[in-house]
Amino acid sequence: MLHFSCDICGKTLAANSPHRFVIKVEAYPAKNPAALTDEDTDVDQVEEMAQLLSEQEESGDELPAFPACKKQRFDMCTYCYGKYAADPLGRDRLAKFDFSEN
């Protein structure tokens, strides 16, 4: 049996409850398909990637700390989903942050 809980407040949620919301977030680098040329589509990407990985391995450089594409999934209760839906990027919360005048 699967167990679901709100990823924000920890409240237990029933699997098929109308009070359980699933939020999926996907982030990836923006690409401009208009900027592609015939030369870009003629390249063998598998061979090019193998060469890049080989060069990286030989040089000892670290791979980027972030993935090219990141997918996340969250379960939320009704209350937490309402707060998320009203301000998905947390801008209001950041705007209310107050600095002291030292």
Protein backbone atom coordinates (compact mmCIF):
# COMPACT_ATOMS: atom_id res chain seq x y z
CA MET A 1 0.00 0.00 0.00
CA LEU A 2 1.34 3.41 -0.96
CA HIS A 3 1.57 6.12 1.67
CA PHE A 4 1.12 9.76 0.69
CA SER A 5 1.79 12.82 2.79
CA CYS A 6 1.91 16.53 2.05
CA ASP A 7 5.47 17.46 1.10
CA ILE A 8 5.07 20.83 2.85
CA CYS A 9 3.23 20.21 6.13
CA GLY A 10 3.50 16.41 6.42
CA LYS A 11 -0.27 15.76 6.71
CA THR A 12 -1.24 12.17 5.76
CA LEU A 13 -3.17 12.01 2.48
CA ALA A 14 -5.34 9.23 1.05
CA ALA A 15 -4.21 7.94 -2.35
CA ASN A 16 -7.48 8.71 -4.18
CA SER A 17 -8.61 11.65 -2.05
CA PRO A 18 -9.94 14.80 -3.72
CA HIS A 19 -7.89 16.67 -1.07
CA ARG A 20 -4.56 15.43 -2.50
CA PHE A 21 -2.92 17.52 -5.22
CA VAL A 22 0.02 16.40 -7.36
CA ILE A 23 2.33 19.13 -8.59
CA LYS A 24 4.88 18.33 -11.31
CA VAL A 25 7.67 20.77 -12.09
CA GLU A 26 10.06 20.45 -15.01
CA ALA A 27 13.03 22.74 -15.58
CA TYR A 28 15.31 22.68 -18.61
CA PRO A 29 17.52 25.07 -20.55
CA ALA A 30 15.64 27.17 -23.08
CA LYS A 31 16.51 26.40 -26.69
CA ASN A 32 15.92 28.51 -29.73
CA PRO A 33 14.88 26.14 -32.54
CA ALA A 34 15.04 29.02 -35.04
CA ALA A 35 18.78 29.25 -34.40
CA LEU A 36 19.40 25.67 -35.59
CA THR A 37 21.16 25.30 -38.91
CA ASP A 38 21.51 22.35 -41.29
CA GLU A 39 24.99 21.84 -39.87
CA ASP A 40 23.48 21.37 -36.37
CA THR A 41 21.15 18.62 -37.55
CA ASP A 42 23.86 16.79 -39.52
CA VAL A 43 26.04 16.19 -36.45
CA ASP A 44 25.99 12.76 -34.81
CA GLN A 45 25.02 13.76 -31.25
CA VAL A 46 25.92 10.35 -29.76
CA GLU A 47 29.44 10.52 -31.16
CA GLU A 48 29.80 14.16 -30.14
CA MET A 49 28.66 13.39 -26.57
CA ALA A 50 31.08 10.46 -26.34
CA GLN A 51 33.91 12.74 -27.44
CA LEU A 52 32.94 15.43 -24.91
CA LEU A 53 32.80 12.87 -22.09
CA SER A 54 36.17 11.46 -23.16
CA GLU A 55 37.72 14.94 -23.17
CA GLN A 56 36.21 15.67 -19.76
CA GLU A 57 37.58 12.41 -18.37
CA GLU A 58 41.08 13.14 -19.72
CA SER A 59 41.15 16.70 -18.42
CA GLY A 60 39.75 15.77 -15.00
CA ASP A 61 37.30 18.68 -15.07
CA GLU A 62 34.16 18.32 -12.98
CA LEU A 63 30.79 17.94 -14.64
CA PRO A 64 28.30 20.78 -14.07
CA ALA A 65 26.73 20.71 -10.61
CA PHE A 66 23.21 20.88 -12.01
CA PRO A 67 21.46 18.55 -14.43
CA ALA A 68 20.42 19.78 -17.86
CA CYS A 69 16.83 18.83 -17.08
CA LYS A 70 15.24 18.37 -13.69
CA LYS A 71 11.81 16.93 -13.00
CA GLN A 72 10.20 17.10 -9.58
CA ARG A 73 6.90 15.79 -8.19
CA PHE A 74 5.18 16.94 -5.02
CA ASP A 75 2.06 15.85 -3.14
CA MET A 76 0.17 18.61 -1.34
CA CYS A 77 -2.90 18.90 0.86
CA THR A 78 -5.67 21.35 -0.06
CA TYR A 79 -4.37 24.10 2.22
CA CYS A 80 -0.74 23.91 1.06
CA TYR A 81 -1.81 23.65 -2.58
CA GLY A 82 -3.87 26.83 -2.18
CA LYS A 83 -0.85 28.69 -0.84
CA TYR A 84 1.35 27.26 -3.63
CA ALA A 85 -1.16 28.10 -6.37
CA ALA A 86 -1.48 31.69 -5.15
CA ASP A 87 2.30 32.27 -5.25
CA PRO A 88 4.16 29.39 -6.98
CA LEU A 89 7.52 31.20 -7.06
CA GLY A 90 7.34 32.51 -3.48
CA ARG A 91 7.65 36.14 -4.57
CA ASP A 92 5.22 37.48 -1.95
CA ARG A 93 7.13 35.71 0.82
CA LEU A 94 10.43 37.21 -0.39
CA ALA A 95 8.93 40.70 -0.70
CA LYS A 96 7.89 40.60 2.97
CA PHE A 97 11.43 39.89 4.14
CA ASP A 98 12.54 42.87 6.20
CA PHE A 99 16.11 43.95 6.83
CA SER A 100 17.09 45.85 9.96
CA GLU A 101 18.78 49.22 9.59
CA ASN A 102 22.23 48.73 11.10
